[in-house]
Amino acid sequence: MEPSSSPFSITVQGTTLSGLSRRVVEANLLSREQARETFEAAQKSQRSFLREALDQGTADRTGLLRCASEESGMPLLDLKAFDLNCRPQEIVDARFLENHGVLPLFQRGSKVFLAVPDPSDVSGLDAFTFQTGFGVEAILVDPKLLDQIIRDIVSGISSELADLNEDSGLEDMAAKTAAPTPADAAEVDTPVVRFVNKILMDAIRQKASDIHIEPYEEKLRIRYRLDGVLHEIANPPLSLTARITARVKILSHLDIAERRIPQDGRIKLTLSKGHEIDFRVSTLPTQFGEKVVIRVLDSSGADLSLSALGLEPDQFKAYEEAIHRPHGMILVTGPTGSGKTVSLYSALSTLNSPEVNISSVEDPIEINLPGINQVNINEKANLSFAAALRAFLRQDPDIIMVGEVRDLETADIAVKASQTGHLVLSTLHTNDAPSTIVRLLNMGVAPFNVAASVHLILAQRLVRKLCTACRKPVAYPEEVLTSAGFSKSGDFSDLKLFGPEGCDECTRGYKGRTGVFQVMPVTEPIAELIVQNAGQEAIETQALAEGVMTMRQAGLVKVRAGITSLEEILRVTDH
């Protein structure tokens, strides 16, 4: 590997590096070999070197952008430090921003300063100049951040919503409004419409799983569930309770005049091309009005690979082997909101191929999986889990997924299906793997059927992950560590644990969630215990003897790795 004689280029294995690729090597952001590979990959994919290098994530992102700025002579701007409310909004519409990937930042006379993601791509600049007639000054920004901002604008999270003054505007309207009748509540009420839109869009932006709208005697409270924990985000005027509730009911096609009984509905929101979000709405009459809970079902960013679940290596191997068996039953257990459905979807996504017929019955369908026959139960039409299962068996299935085993009838059909050459996956609401066996027996399933059909039980919880940008080292007394489950004989001197701090990138020190699991294969000794109708303790003792980790033990592995905090594991797991 010899550098070329030219001071303006570098030759690596026959590939000449110049311009930005040469500059990042000189800045020690990439080695010459890495720069060569990135350059060749960019040529192959017909992309710029900058885009390829940013997507690969090998080099420092800020450093790459700074080098691109210096090489092109284009000023670099951090969009996080820019007030987007000041941007000119009437020059081009949101669709233009989406199609061309540029964003007007400010205007000075007949010149517009335009945020662009790549100095080498001038198509957006040309399109903007052609459509508007304005002169353009290009400013380089982080493409990832620019894409997110444009998506938010297209989705409706723009200054139009941000301008809604929750304190003044809503208070003024509340002062002028008496207690509304159902007819009044159905009126188009622009401030309330905008406020409800903002609640929904902010929930999507913050990746909330649920929205709670709760009326009390003296206040109306709105909370988001972020990474499994509820956070209060707003307190609109109490007198607007009926109007806000009515607006949500209208969106979800519910009866706004009916306030005495619970109602369920759905909202489908199209954010952009190819991106739809479903909201599942539930209303409940309470002492001071109707409580509304909205479940956000956003599957666009869902990673359904088995490796993304967070299983430990031995657990991953056991689960992968079980789902590739030709028949039998696999049960995923845990409380509501513990990620059971995603674990099943990940298995189905892995198994999905043209060679197999996969059918699922769910309540409701949360993620659309192309290639899988998904059925939504409809109790009003007598389409229950059991009825759908019976129909599946006449549809030549290979793999069946049952959203939940709720009763003996469903359990019996599922067990028989697993014994007649089908792989059956389902969920139960139990605390751990051994108690799942007891639950099936208590439902009335014969012990020999349980022992013969169930191959593996996966119990799980979701824990919040520490934000890697702000996590901090934390020291604990030895007695706390031993009480939590760390080995009493262990040497804690080299044990480095982390705790939450909090920054702009996260929610109180946490960002995202991962699973902690107990994976229990039903081995011959455990099957014998089931046939003997042994209790939960006997099954648990045998599982531990076979090396099955408890969820607490699996959680402590993640604490050691710095993925989560000790407090978080103690919050969600038992000994």
Protein backbone atom coordinates (compact mmCIF):
# COMPACT_ATOMS: atom_id res chain seq x y z
CA MET A 1 0.00 0.00 0.00
CA GLU A 2 1.80 3.09 -1.29
CA PRO A 3 0.46 6.62 -1.32
CA SER A 4 0.30 8.25 -4.73
CA SER A 5 2.68 10.97 -5.66
CA SER A 6 -0.10 13.54 -5.67
CA PRO A 7 -0.64 15.40 -2.39
CA PHE A 8 -4.35 15.55 -3.23
CA SER A 9 -5.04 11.82 -3.49
CA ILE A 10 -4.26 8.52 -1.83
CA THR A 11 -4.08 5.21 -3.65
CA VAL A 12 -5.07 2.07 -1.71
CA GLN A 13 -4.95 -1.30 -3.46
CA GLY A 14 -5.57 0.28 -6.82
CA THR A 15 -8.36 2.57 -5.58
CA THR A 16 -7.56 6.29 -5.64
CA LEU A 17 -8.98 8.21 -2.70
CA SER A 18 -9.53 11.90 -3.15
CA GLY A 19 -11.86 14.58 -1.92
CA LEU A 20 -13.87 13.59 1.14
CA SER A 21 -12.52 10.01 1.30
CA ARG A 22 -8.97 11.37 1.43
CA ARG A 23 -9.88 13.98 4.03
CA VAL A 24 -11.45 11.49 6.47
CA VAL A 25 -8.29 9.38 6.29
CA GLU A 26 -6.17 12.43 7.04
CA ALA A 27 -8.45 13.27 9.96
CA ASN A 28 -7.99 9.72 11.32
CA LEU A 29 -11.72 9.06 11.19
CA LEU A 30 -11.22 5.99 8.99
CA SER A 31 -8.20 3.91 8.13
CA ARG A 32 -7.10 3.83 4.48
CA GLU A 33 -8.50 0.33 4.13
CA GLN A 34 -11.84 1.31 5.70
CA ALA A 35 -12.05 4.37 3.45
CA ARG A 36 -11.36 2.21 0.40
CA GLU A 37 -14.08 -0.30 1.36
CA THR A 38 -16.55 2.52 2.04
CA PHE A 39 -15.67 4.18 -1.28
CA GLU A 40 -16.22 0.96 -3.23
CA ALA A 41 -19.48 0.24 -1.37
CA ALA A 42 -20.68 3.76 -2.21
CA GLN A 43 -19.90 3.23 -5.88
CA LYS A 44 -21.66 -0.13 -5.91
CA SER A 45 -24.82 1.28 -4.29
CA GLN A 46 -24.62 4.48 -6.37
CA ARG A 47 -24.57 6.66 -3.25
CA SER A 48 -22.25 9.37 -2.04
CA PHE A 49 -19.25 8.54 0.11
CA LEU A 50 -20.71 10.64 2.93
CA ARG A 51 -24.05 8.79 3.02
CA GLU A 52 -22.32 5.41 2.91
CA ALA A 53 -19.89 6.32 5.70
CA LEU A 54 -22.66 7.73 7.90
CA ASP A 55 -24.84 4.64 7.45
CA GLN A 56 -21.98 2.27 8.21
CA GLY A 57 -21.46 4.01 11.57
CA THR A 58 -17.76 3.14 11.70
CA ALA A 59 -16.54 6.74 11.95
CA ASP A 60 -17.53 9.55 14.30
CA ARG A 61 -20.69 11.11 12.85
CA THR A 62 -19.89 14.71 13.77
CA GLY A 63 -16.35 14.33 12.46
CA LEU A 64 -17.61 13.04 9.10
CA LEU A 65 -20.00 15.95 8.72
CA ARG A 66 -17.29 18.43 9.68
CA CYS A 67 -14.95 16.95 7.06
CA ALA A 68 -17.73 17.13 4.44
CA SER A 69 -18.31 20.77 5.37
CA GLU A 70 -14.63 21.62 5.03
CA GLU A 71 -14.27 19.74 1.76
CA SER A 72 -17.32 21.34 0.12
CA GLY A 73 -17.05 24.78 1.68
CA MET A 74 -20.66 24.41 2.84
CA PRO A 75 -21.39 25.64 6.39
CA LEU A 76 -22.39 22.99 8.92
CA LEU A 77 -25.37 23.49 11.27
CA ASP A 78 -26.53 21.42 14.24
CA LEU A 79 -30.31 21.23 13.83
CA LYS A 80 -30.72 20.46 17.53
CA ALA A 81 -29.62 24.00 18.26
CA PHE A 82 -31.98 25.55 15.72
CA ASP A 83 -35.47 26.83 16.63
CA LEU A 84 -37.69 25.19 13.99
CA ASN A 85 -40.59 27.47 14.88
CA CYS A 86 -38.65 30.27 13.14
CA ARG A 87 -38.42 28.50 9.79
CA PRO A 88 -40.46 29.88 6.83
CA GLN A 89 -43.42 27.54 6.41
CA GLU A 90 -45.31 28.97 3.43
CA ILE A 91 -42.61 28.68 0.75
CA VAL A 92 -43.11 24.97 -0.03
CA ASP A 93 -45.52 22.36 1.34
CA ALA A 94 -44.72 19.32 3.46
CA ARG A 95 -44.92 16.97 0.47
CA PHE A 96 -42.14 18.87 -1.28
CA LEU A 97 -39.97 18.44 1.82
CA GLU A 98 -40.71 14.71 1.88
CA ASN A 99 -40.02 14.21 -1.84
CA HIS A 100 -36.77 16.20 -1.99
CA GLY A 101 -35.32 15.87 1.53
CA VAL A 102 -34.48 19.56 2.04
CA LEU A 103 -35.75 22.07 4.60
CA PRO A 104 -35.93 25.90 4.44
CA LEU A 105 -34.39 27.27 7.64
CA PHE A 106 -34.70 31.05 7.23
CA GLN A 107 -35.21 33.68 4.59
CA ARG A 108 -33.29 36.87 3.96
CA GLY A 109 -34.83 38.95 1.18
CA SER A 110 -34.92 36.83 -1.99
CA LYS A 111 -32.45 34.28 -0.59
CA VAL A 112 -33.46 31.17 1.36
CA PHE A 113 -31.02 29.23 3.55
CA LEU A 114 -31.75 25.59 2.83
CA ALA A 115 -30.77 22.57 5.00
CA VAL A 116 -29.39 19.78 2.80
CA PRO A 117 -28.21 16.29 3.78
CA ASP A 118 -25.35 15.91 1.30
CA PRO A 119 -23.15 18.47 -0.47
CA SER A 120 -22.84 16.23 -3.54
CA ASP A 121 -26.60 15.95 -4.10
CA VAL A 122 -27.88 19.15 -5.72
CA SER A 123 -31.22 17.76 -6.97
CA GLY A 124 -33.10 19.16 -3.96
CA LEU A 125 -31.48 22.57 -4.41
CA ASP A 126 -32.39 22.68 -8.10
CA ALA A 127 -35.98 21.57 -7.44
CA PHE A 128 -36.39 24.23 -4.75
CA THR A 129 -35.00 26.99 -6.96
CA PHE A 130 -37.17 25.89 -9.90
CA GLN A 131 -40.38 25.79 -7.86
CA THR A 132 -39.92 28.95 -5.80
CA GLY A 133 -37.67 31.22 -7.86
CA PHE A 134 -35.66 32.09 -4.73
CA GLY A 135 -31.89 32.17 -4.55
CA VAL A 136 -30.48 29.41 -2.34
CA GLU A 137 -27.68 29.18 0.20
CA ALA A 138 -27.06 25.52 1.10
CA ILE A 139 -26.33 24.52 4.71
CA LEU A 140 -25.14 21.02 5.55
CA VAL A 141 -26.98 19.18 8.36
CA ASP A 142 -27.06 15.64 9.74
CA PRO A 143 -29.16 13.58 7.26
CA LYS A 144 -30.62 11.39 10.00
CA LEU A 145 -31.85 14.36 12.02
CA LEU A 146 -33.14 16.11 8.90
CA ASP A 147 -35.12 13.02 7.84
CA GLN A 148 -36.68 12.80 11.32
CA ILE A 149 -37.70 16.47 11.32
CA ILE A 150 -39.24 16.17 7.85
CA ARG A 151 -41.14 13.04 8.92
CA ASP A 152 -42.46 14.91 11.94
CA ILE A 153 -43.58 17.82 9.78
CA VAL A 154 -45.31 15.51 7.31
CA SER A 155 -46.89 13.63 10.21
CA GLY A 156 -48.33 16.80 11.62
CA ILE A 157 -45.82 17.58 14.34
CA SER A 158 -45.14 21.03 13.03
CA SER A 159 -45.29 24.52 14.36
CA GLU A 160 -49.01 24.47 13.57
CA LEU A 161 -49.47 22.10 16.49
CA ALA A 162 -46.66 23.52 18.54
CA ASP A 163 -48.32 26.92 18.41
CA LEU A 164 -51.25 25.54 20.40
CA ASN A 165 -51.07 27.33 23.73
CA GLU A 166 -52.51 24.83 26.14
CA ASP A 167 -52.78 27.31 28.96
CA SER A 168 -54.23 30.36 27.23
CA GLY A 169 -56.19 29.07 24.26
CA LEU A 170 -57.86 26.18 26.03
CA GLU A 171 -58.50 28.19 29.17
CA ASP A 172 -60.18 30.93 27.13
CA MET A 173 -62.40 28.41 25.43
CA ALA A 174 -63.24 26.75 28.75
CA ALA A 175 -64.26 30.07 30.26
CA LYS A 176 -66.73 30.71 27.46
CA THR A 177 -68.19 27.18 27.47
CA ALA A 178 -70.80 25.71 29.77
CA ALA A 179 -71.04 21.98 30.42
CA PRO A 180 -71.45 20.54 26.91
CA THR A 181 -74.25 18.32 25.78
CA PRO A 182 -73.44 15.31 23.60
CA ALA A 183 -74.49 17.34 20.56
CA ASP A 184 -72.22 20.20 21.56
CA ALA A 185 -69.35 17.84 22.15
CA ALA A 186 -69.55 16.59 18.60
CA GLU A 187 -69.06 20.08 17.14
CA VAL A 188 -65.87 20.83 15.27
CA ASP A 189 -63.84 22.55 17.97
CA THR A 190 -60.58 23.61 16.43
CA PRO A 191 -58.49 24.09 19.62
CA VAL A 192 -59.62 20.71 20.99
CA VAL A 193 -59.07 19.03 17.62
CA ARG A 194 -55.54 20.41 17.49
CA PHE A 195 -54.91 19.46 21.10
CA VAL A 196 -55.99 15.84 20.55
CA ASN A 197 -53.90 15.70 17.37
CA LYS A 198 -50.92 16.96 19.32
CA ILE A 199 -51.44 14.31 22.03
CA LEU A 200 -51.48 11.54 19.42
CA MET A 201 -48.53 12.85 17.40
CA ASP A 202 -46.37 13.56 20.44
CA ALA A 203 -47.06 10.02 21.66
CA ILE A 204 -45.76 8.66 18.34
CA ARG A 205 -42.72 10.93 18.42
CA GLN A 206 -41.83 9.95 21.99
CA LYS A 207 -42.51 6.26 21.22
CA ALA A 208 -45.18 5.95 23.90
CA SER A 209 -47.02 2.63 24.06
CA ASP A 210 -50.19 3.99 25.72
CA ILE A 211 -51.99 7.29 26.30
CA HIS A 212 -54.13 7.71 29.43
CA ILE A 213 -56.75 10.50 29.59
CA GLU A 214 -58.05 10.48 33.18
CA PRO A 215 -60.68 12.80 34.71
CA TYR A 216 -60.60 13.38 38.47
CA GLU A 217 -62.58 15.64 40.77
CA GLU A 218 -60.20 18.58 40.51
CA LYS A 219 -58.10 17.95 37.42
CA LEU A 220 -57.82 16.20 34.07
CA ARG A 221 -54.61 14.25 33.75
CA ILE A 222 -52.92 13.00 30.57
CA ARG A 223 -50.14 10.44 30.87
CA TYR A 224 -47.90 8.57 28.43
CA ARG A 225 -46.45 5.14 29.09
CA LEU A 226 -42.82 5.47 28.04
CA ASP A 227 -40.65 2.36 28.19
CA GLY A 228 -43.23 0.69 30.44
CA VAL A 229 -43.54 3.53 32.99
CA LEU A 230 -46.30 6.16 33.09
CA HIS A 231 -45.32 9.84 32.95
CA GLU A 232 -47.68 12.78 33.42
CA ILE A 233 -47.38 15.13 30.44
CA ALA A 234 -50.34 17.55 30.58
CA ASN A 235 -53.22 18.87 32.72
CA PRO A 236 -55.80 20.49 30.40
CA PRO A 237 -58.70 22.44 31.95
CA LEU A 238 -61.11 20.09 33.70
CA SER A 239 -64.10 21.66 31.94
CA LEU A 240 -62.79 20.35 28.60
CA THR A 241 -63.01 16.68 29.65
CA ALA A 242 -66.21 15.99 27.70
CA ARG A 243 -64.94 17.74 24.57
CA ILE A 244 -61.61 15.91 24.52
CA THR A 245 -63.32 12.57 25.15
CA ALA A 246 -65.89 13.30 22.43
CA ARG A 247 -63.16 14.11 19.93
CA VAL A 248 -61.39 10.81 20.60
CA LYS A 249 -64.73 8.98 20.28
CA ILE A 250 -65.44 10.63 16.93
CA LEU A 251 -62.03 9.61 15.62
CA SER A 252 -62.57 6.00 16.76
CA HIS A 253 -66.20 5.80 15.51
CA LEU A 254 -67.74 5.35 18.96
CA ASP A 255 -71.12 6.53 20.24
CA ILE A 256 -70.45 9.94 21.80
CA ALA A 257 -73.87 9.98 23.47
CA GLU A 258 -73.23 6.71 25.35
CA ARG A 259 -71.34 7.41 28.56
CA ARG A 260 -72.72 4.66 30.81
CA ILE A 261 -70.91 1.61 29.43
CA PRO A 262 -67.35 0.85 28.26
CA GLN A 263 -66.66 1.12 24.53
CA ASP A 264 -63.84 -0.07 22.28
CA GLY A 265 -62.76 1.38 18.97
CA ARG A 266 -59.83 1.97 16.62
CA ILE A 267 -58.17 4.91 14.90
CA LYS A 268 -56.09 4.47 11.76
CA LEU A 269 -53.71 7.30 11.02
CA THR A 270 -51.75 7.59 7.78
CA LEU A 271 -48.62 9.60 8.49
CA SER A 272 -46.82 9.33 5.22
CA LYS A 273 -46.48 7.10 2.22
CA GLY A 274 -46.31 3.54 3.45
CA HIS A 275 -46.48 4.47 7.14
CA GLU A 276 -49.74 3.82 8.96
CA ILE A 277 -50.30 3.75 12.71
CA ASP A 278 -53.24 2.14 14.51
CA PHE A 279 -54.58 3.33 17.83
CA ARG A 280 -56.73 0.99 19.93
CA VAL A 281 -59.18 3.03 22.02
CA SER A 282 -60.94 1.93 25.21
CA THR A 283 -63.34 4.09 27.23
CA LEU A 284 -64.43 3.38 30.80
CA PRO A 285 -67.08 5.26 32.84
CA THR A 286 -65.56 6.51 36.11
CA GLN A 287 -66.83 8.63 38.98
CA PHE A 288 -65.86 11.94 37.36
CA GLY A 289 -66.22 11.14 33.69
CA GLU A 290 -64.96 8.70 31.09
CA LYS A 291 -61.39 7.51 31.27
CA VAL A 292 -59.85 6.91 27.85
CA VAL A 293 -56.85 4.66 27.23
CA ILE A 294 -55.29 4.65 23.76
CA ARG A 295 -52.85 1.90 22.81
CA VAL A 296 -50.36 3.02 20.13
CA LEU A 297 -49.72 0.24 17.62
CA ASP A 298 -46.77 1.43 15.53
CA SER A 299 -45.15 -1.50 13.79
CA SER A 300 -43.07 0.54 11.35
CA GLY A 301 -39.88 0.38 13.36
CA ALA A 302 -40.36 -3.05 14.88
CA ASP A 303 -37.35 -5.36 14.69
CA LEU A 304 -38.79 -8.88 14.52
CA SER A 305 -35.51 -10.79 14.42
CA LEU A 306 -34.90 -13.33 17.19
CA SER A 307 -31.56 -11.71 17.97
CA ALA A 308 -33.32 -8.44 18.85
CA LEU A 309 -35.32 -9.99 21.71
CA GLY A 310 -32.43 -9.92 24.19
CA LEU A 311 -32.16 -13.68 24.91
CA GLU A 312 -28.96 -14.96 26.46
CA PRO A 313 -26.96 -17.32 24.17
CA ASP A 314 -28.20 -20.59 25.78
CA GLN A 315 -31.77 -19.26 25.86
CA PHE A 316 -31.56 -18.17 22.22
CA LYS A 317 -30.36 -21.64 21.17
CA ALA A 318 -33.17 -23.38 23.09
CA TYR A 319 -35.88 -21.08 21.68
CA GLU A 320 -34.55 -21.33 18.13
CA GLU A 321 -34.42 -25.13 18.29
CA ALA A 322 -37.96 -25.30 19.69
CA ILE A 323 -39.56 -23.14 16.99
CA HIS A 324 -37.94 -25.24 14.26
CA ARG A 325 -39.47 -28.47 15.54
CA PRO A 326 -42.17 -29.87 13.25
CA HIS A 327 -44.83 -30.12 15.96
CA GLY A 328 -45.52 -29.45 19.60
CA MET A 329 -46.48 -26.41 21.64
CA ILE A 330 -44.43 -23.38 22.67
CA LEU A 331 -45.86 -21.07 25.31
CA VAL A 332 -44.78 -17.49 25.98
CA THR A 333 -45.90 -16.17 29.36
CA GLY A 334 -45.86 -12.95 31.32
CA PRO A 335 -48.16 -10.14 32.45
CA THR A 336 -49.84 -7.68 30.09
CA GLY A 337 -47.32 -5.46 28.33
CA SER A 338 -44.33 -7.77 28.85
CA GLY A 339 -43.59 -8.22 25.14
CA LYS A 340 -45.11 -11.69 24.63
CA THR A 341 -46.65 -10.84 21.28
CA VAL A 342 -43.35 -9.53 19.87
CA SER A 343 -41.60 -12.76 20.93
CA LEU A 344 -44.22 -14.75 19.03
CA TYR A 345 -44.09 -12.45 16.01
CA SER A 346 -40.30 -12.83 15.95
CA ALA A 347 -40.69 -16.61 15.84
CA LEU A 348 -43.31 -16.39 13.08
CA SER A 349 -41.16 -13.97 11.10
CA THR A 350 -38.24 -16.42 11.33
CA LEU A 351 -40.41 -19.36 10.27
CA ASN A 352 -42.24 -17.49 7.49
CA SER A 353 -41.41 -18.94 4.08
CA PRO A 354 -43.30 -20.00 0.94
CA GLU A 355 -43.01 -23.66 1.99
CA VAL A 356 -45.18 -23.40 5.11
CA ASN A 357 -48.77 -22.39 5.83
CA ILE A 358 -48.93 -20.16 8.92
CA SER A 359 -52.19 -18.99 10.48
CA SER A 360 -52.68 -16.81 13.54
CA VAL A 361 -55.73 -15.75 15.55
CA GLU A 362 -55.29 -12.60 17.62
CA ASP A 363 -57.18 -10.06 19.70
CA PRO A 364 -56.33 -7.68 18.15
CA ILE A 365 -53.84 -8.01 15.27
CA GLU A 366 -51.03 -5.70 16.37
CA ILE A 367 -48.48 -6.14 13.58
CA ASN A 368 -49.21 -6.98 9.96
CA LEU A 369 -47.00 -9.85 8.80
CA PRO A 370 -47.08 -10.43 5.02
CA GLY A 371 -47.27 -14.12 4.14
CA ILE A 372 -49.16 -15.08 7.32
CA ASN A 373 -52.94 -15.58 7.50
CA GLN A 374 -53.95 -13.37 10.41
CA VAL A 375 -57.47 -13.54 11.85
CA ASN A 376 -58.94 -11.00 14.28
CA ILE A 377 -61.39 -12.54 16.73
CA ASN A 378 -64.92 -11.12 16.70
CA GLU A 379 -66.97 -12.16 19.71
CA LYS A 380 -70.09 -10.46 18.35
CA ALA A 381 -69.92 -12.75 15.32
CA ASN A 382 -69.08 -15.77 17.53
CA LEU A 383 -65.55 -15.88 16.12
CA SER A 384 -63.66 -16.83 19.27
CA PHE A 385 -60.17 -18.26 19.67
CA ALA A 386 -61.64 -21.77 19.84
CA ALA A 387 -63.83 -21.25 16.74
CA ALA A 388 -60.90 -19.86 14.74
CA LEU A 389 -58.69 -22.77 15.85
CA ARG A 390 -61.24 -25.31 14.68
CA ALA A 391 -61.40 -23.55 11.31
CA PHE A 392 -57.59 -23.47 11.06
CA LEU A 393 -57.41 -27.26 11.35
CA ARG A 394 -59.47 -27.51 8.16
CA GLN A 395 -57.10 -25.11 6.35
CA ASP A 396 -54.09 -27.45 6.04
CA PRO A 397 -51.87 -25.50 8.49
CA ASP A 398 -48.23 -26.16 9.37
CA ILE A 399 -47.86 -23.53 12.10
CA ILE A 400 -50.62 -22.02 14.25
CA MET A 401 -50.35 -19.00 16.51
CA VAL A 402 -53.03 -18.45 19.15
CA GLY A 403 -52.99 -14.99 20.68
CA GLU A 404 -53.94 -16.24 24.14
CA VAL A 405 -55.11 -19.46 25.78
CA ARG A 406 -58.02 -18.17 27.86
CA ASP A 407 -60.14 -21.22 28.55
CA LEU A 408 -60.19 -25.02 28.57
CA GLU A 409 -61.83 -25.27 25.14
CA THR A 410 -59.05 -23.26 23.47
CA ALA A 411 -56.37 -25.11 25.44
CA ASP A 412 -57.77 -28.52 24.45
CA ILE A 413 -57.93 -27.71 20.75
CA ALA A 414 -54.42 -26.20 20.82
CA VAL A 415 -53.00 -29.27 22.61
CA LYS A 416 -54.67 -31.66 20.16
CA ALA A 417 -53.38 -29.60 17.22
CA SER A 418 -49.83 -29.82 18.59
CA GLN A 419 -50.17 -33.59 18.89
CA THR A 420 -51.37 -34.07 15.32
CA GLY A 421 -48.39 -32.69 13.45
CA HIS A 422 -48.74 -28.92 13.93
CA LEU A 423 -46.46 -26.43 15.65
CA VAL A 424 -48.58 -24.30 17.98
CA LEU A 425 -47.41 -21.05 19.56
CA SER A 426 -49.46 -19.24 22.18
CA THR A 427 -49.38 -17.06 25.30
CA LEU A 428 -50.55 -17.31 28.88
CA HIS A 429 -50.70 -14.83 31.73
CA THR A 430 -48.43 -16.40 34.38
CA ASN A 431 -45.47 -15.13 36.41
CA ASP A 432 -42.82 -17.66 35.40
CA ALA A 433 -42.27 -20.83 33.40
CA PRO A 434 -42.97 -23.47 36.12
CA SER A 435 -46.25 -21.82 37.13
CA THR A 436 -47.42 -22.09 33.50
CA ILE A 437 -47.60 -25.86 33.84
CA VAL A 438 -49.71 -25.53 36.97
CA ARG A 439 -51.99 -23.03 35.24
CA LEU A 440 -52.67 -25.46 32.36
CA LEU A 441 -53.42 -28.28 34.82
CA ASN A 442 -55.76 -26.03 36.81
CA MET A 443 -57.60 -25.13 33.59
CA GLY A 444 -58.42 -28.82 33.23
CA VAL A 445 -55.89 -30.01 30.64
CA ALA A 446 -54.88 -33.61 31.38
CA PRO A 447 -51.30 -33.93 32.78
CA PHE A 448 -50.23 -36.46 30.13
CA ASN A 449 -51.42 -34.09 27.37
CA VAL A 450 -49.42 -31.22 28.84
CA ALA A 451 -46.31 -33.40 29.16
CA ALA A 452 -46.64 -34.72 25.62
CA SER A 453 -47.43 -31.47 23.83
CA VAL A 454 -45.56 -28.61 25.54
CA HIS A 455 -41.92 -28.49 24.38
CA LEU A 456 -40.76 -25.13 25.74
CA ILE A 457 -42.02 -22.33 27.97
CA LEU A 458 -40.60 -18.81 27.70
CA ALA A 459 -41.43 -16.40 30.54
CA GLN A 460 -40.43 -12.78 30.11
CA ARG A 461 -40.47 -9.20 31.35
CA LEU A 462 -39.44 -5.96 29.67
CA VAL A 463 -36.83 -3.77 31.33
CA ARG A 464 -35.73 -0.28 30.41
CA LYS A 465 -32.28 0.06 28.88
CA LEU A 466 -29.85 2.63 30.20
CA CYS A 467 -29.12 5.53 27.90
CA THR A 468 -25.59 4.97 26.62
CA ALA A 469 -25.07 8.71 26.26
CA CYS A 470 -25.49 9.54 29.94
CA ARG A 471 -25.31 6.37 32.06
CA LYS A 472 -23.01 6.75 35.07
CA PRO A 473 -21.03 4.26 37.20
CA VAL A 474 -22.75 3.38 40.48
CA ALA A 475 -21.27 1.66 43.55
CA TYR A 476 -23.45 -0.55 45.76
CA PRO A 477 -22.74 -2.00 49.22
CA GLU A 478 -21.81 -5.68 49.17
CA GLU A 479 -24.95 -6.64 51.10
CA VAL A 480 -27.15 -5.01 48.44
CA LEU A 481 -25.39 -6.97 45.70
CA THR A 482 -25.69 -10.30 47.51
CA SER A 483 -29.32 -9.59 48.40
CA ALA A 484 -30.04 -8.89 44.74
CA GLY A 485 -28.66 -12.26 43.71
CA PHE A 486 -24.99 -11.76 42.92
CA SER A 487 -22.83 -14.64 44.18
CA LYS A 488 -22.01 -14.31 47.88
CA SER A 489 -18.59 -15.76 47.29
CA GLY A 490 -17.88 -13.50 44.35
CA ASP A 491 -15.27 -10.78 44.18
CA PHE A 492 -17.06 -7.48 43.64
CA SER A 493 -13.90 -5.41 43.17
CA ASP A 494 -14.00 -5.60 39.35
CA LEU A 495 -17.81 -5.41 39.15
CA LYS A 496 -18.66 -2.21 37.28
CA LEU A 497 -22.35 -1.34 37.38
CA PHE A 498 -24.17 1.65 35.88
CA GLY A 499 -27.21 3.71 36.80
CA PRO A 500 -29.43 6.35 35.13
CA GLU A 501 -28.46 10.01 34.85
CA GLY A 502 -30.76 11.74 32.35
CA CYS A 503 -30.06 13.82 29.23
CA ASP A 504 -31.79 15.24 26.14
CA GLU A 505 -31.55 11.89 24.37
CA CYS A 506 -33.53 9.84 26.89
CA THR A 507 -36.32 9.71 29.48
CA ARG A 508 -34.81 10.04 32.97
CA GLY A 509 -31.74 8.05 32.05
CA TYR A 510 -33.45 5.27 30.11
CA LYS A 511 -33.97 4.80 26.38
CA GLY A 512 -35.68 1.79 24.85
CA ARG A 513 -36.44 -1.60 26.37
CA THR A 514 -35.15 -5.15 26.16
CA GLY A 515 -36.40 -8.46 27.49
CA VAL A 516 -35.26 -10.61 30.40
CA PHE A 517 -36.27 -14.23 30.04
CA GLN A 518 -36.65 -17.59 31.69
CA VAL A 519 -36.52 -20.28 29.03
CA MET A 520 -37.54 -23.74 30.28
CA PRO A 521 -37.44 -26.69 27.85
CA VAL A 522 -39.78 -29.47 28.95
CA THR A 523 -37.24 -32.27 29.31
CA GLU A 524 -38.04 -35.89 30.13
CA PRO A 525 -37.55 -35.44 33.93
CA ILE A 526 -39.85 -32.40 33.91
CA ALA A 527 -42.40 -34.27 31.76
CA GLU A 528 -42.38 -37.12 34.31
CA LEU A 529 -43.06 -34.63 37.12
CA ILE A 530 -45.99 -33.20 35.13
CA VAL A 531 -47.49 -36.68 34.59
CA GLN A 532 -47.12 -37.33 38.33
CA ASN A 533 -49.03 -34.07 38.92
CA ALA A 534 -46.10 -32.69 40.91
CA GLY A 535 -46.37 -29.18 42.29
CA GLN A 536 -44.77 -26.00 41.04
CA GLU A 537 -41.88 -26.19 43.51
CA ALA A 538 -40.82 -29.63 42.29
CA ILE A 539 -40.87 -28.49 38.66
CA GLU A 540 -38.95 -25.32 39.55
CA THR A 541 -36.30 -27.29 41.49
CA GLN A 542 -35.78 -29.67 38.57
CA ALA A 543 -35.52 -26.77 36.10
CA LEU A 544 -32.88 -25.04 38.24
CA ALA A 545 -30.97 -28.32 38.51
CA GLU A 546 -30.94 -28.50 34.69
CA GLY A 547 -29.40 -25.04 34.47
CA VAL A 548 -32.51 -23.00 33.66
CA MET A 549 -31.90 -19.37 34.68
CA THR A 550 -34.53 -17.47 36.62
CA MET A 551 -35.53 -14.08 35.27
CA ARG A 552 -33.63 -12.42 38.12
CA GLN A 553 -30.44 -14.28 37.12
CA ALA A 554 -30.96 -13.36 33.47
CA GLY A 555 -31.52 -9.76 34.52
CA LEU A 556 -28.29 -9.64 36.52
CA VAL A 557 -26.40 -10.69 33.38
CA LYS A 558 -27.73 -7.53 31.71
CA VAL A 559 -26.82 -5.47 34.78
CA ARG A 560 -23.23 -6.77 34.57
CA ALA A 561 -23.15 -5.86 30.88
CA GLY A 562 -24.25 -2.28 31.60
CA ILE A 563 -27.45 -2.69 29.57
CA THR A 564 -29.76 -1.83 32.46
CA SER A 565 -29.59 -0.81 36.11
CA LEU A 566 -29.87 -2.95 39.20
CA GLU A 567 -32.90 -0.93 40.35
CA GLU A 568 -34.70 -1.69 37.10
CA ILE A 569 -34.12 -5.45 37.44
CA LEU A 570 -35.26 -5.39 41.07
CA ARG A 571 -38.40 -3.51 39.96
CA VAL A 572 -39.56 -6.09 37.42
CA THR A 573 -38.31 -9.45 38.70
CA ASP A 574 -38.72 -11.67 41.74
CA HIS A 575 -35.98 -13.79 43.26
